[in-house]
Protein backbone atom coordinates (compact mmCIF):
# COMPACT_ATOMS: atom_id res chain seq x y z
CA UNK A 1 -47.73 36.28 16.76
CA UNK A 2 -44.31 34.77 16.92
CA UNK A 3 -44.69 30.88 16.59
CA UNK A 4 -40.82 29.80 16.97
CA UNK A 5 -40.09 28.67 20.33
CA UNK A 6 -36.48 29.00 21.72
CA UNK A 7 -34.49 25.44 21.80
CA UNK A 8 -34.46 24.16 25.11
CA UNK A 9 -31.29 24.16 27.01
CA UNK A 10 -31.10 20.38 27.36
CA UNK A 11 -31.46 19.97 23.65
CA UNK A 12 -28.59 22.57 23.04
CA UNK A 13 -26.45 20.66 25.52
CA UNK A 14 -27.36 17.25 23.86
CA UNK A 15 -26.28 18.91 20.45
CA UNK A 16 -23.03 20.39 21.52
CA UNK A 17 -22.20 16.96 23.25
CA UNK A 18 -23.01 15.33 19.93
CA UNK A 19 -20.75 17.69 17.99
CA UNK A 20 -17.97 17.42 20.38
CA UNK A 21 -18.09 13.38 20.44
CA UNK A 22 -18.22 13.48 16.50
CA UNK A 23 -15.34 15.99 16.57
CA UNK A 24 -13.17 13.92 18.92
CA UNK A 25 -13.90 10.92 16.63
CA UNK A 26 -12.61 12.76 13.67
CA UNK A 27 -9.59 14.05 15.50
CA UNK A 28 -8.86 10.74 16.41
CA UNK A 29 -9.18 9.30 12.81
CA UNK A 30 -7.02 12.25 11.53
CA UNK A 31 -4.28 11.18 14.06
CA UNK A 32 -4.65 7.58 12.95
CA UNK A 33 -4.42 8.52 9.36
CA UNK A 34 -1.46 10.94 9.78
CA UNK A 35 0.35 8.26 11.83
CA UNK A 36 -0.09 5.71 9.03
CA UNK A 37 0.80 8.19 6.53
CA UNK A 38 4.07 9.08 8.37
CA UNK A 39 5.20 5.69 9.00
CA UNK A 40 4.29 4.95 5.01
CA UNK A 41 6.67 8.05 4.13
CA UNK A 42 9.55 6.98 6.45
CA UNK A 43 9.44 3.54 5.06
CA UNK A 44 9.82 4.76 1.54
CA UNK A 45 12.69 7.19 2.63
CA UNK A 46 14.21 4.37 4.50
CA UNK A 47 14.01 1.82 1.35
CA UNK A 48 15.63 4.93 -0.97
CA UNK A 49 18.39 5.38 1.40
CA UNK A 50 19.02 1.73 1.54
CA UNK A 51 18.96 1.55 -2.31
CA UNK A 52 21.43 4.56 -2.28
CA UNK A 53 23.69 2.95 0.23
CA UNK A 54 24.00 -0.23 -1.91
CA UNK A 55 24.71 1.69 -5.16
CA UNK A 56 27.48 3.51 -3.46
CA UNK A 57 28.78 0.26 -1.95
CA UNK A 58 28.84 -1.23 -5.35
CA UNK A 59 30.74 1.77 -6.91
CA UNK A 60 34.50 1.15 -7.21
CA UNK A 61 36.55 3.40 -5.23
CA UNK A 62 38.81 5.49 -7.82
CA UNK A 63 42.05 6.36 -6.30
CA UNK A 64 44.69 7.37 -8.57
CA UNK A 65 48.12 8.96 -7.99
CA UNK A 66 46.86 12.32 -9.21
CA UNK A 67 44.06 12.40 -6.69
CA UNK A 68 46.60 11.56 -3.75
CA UNK A 69 49.26 14.10 -4.95
CA UNK A 70 49.37 16.80 -2.20
CA UNK A 71 48.47 20.36 -3.74
CA UNK A 72 51.12 22.60 -4.68
């Protein structure tokens, strides 16, 4: 005789709802984490760009007569 009983539909619905809520929380956390990571990476890139711009502005512009001669 089989002693296992089928899981009542109410229990299945409850488990499904709990799983859906848990998945939604995880998704929201992933969205928040990815947003923070993207913001951090953008700040890093902005800082690198600003540093490069400062370095370029500090370099003297070399203009010589050789550079200004028209190509023959």
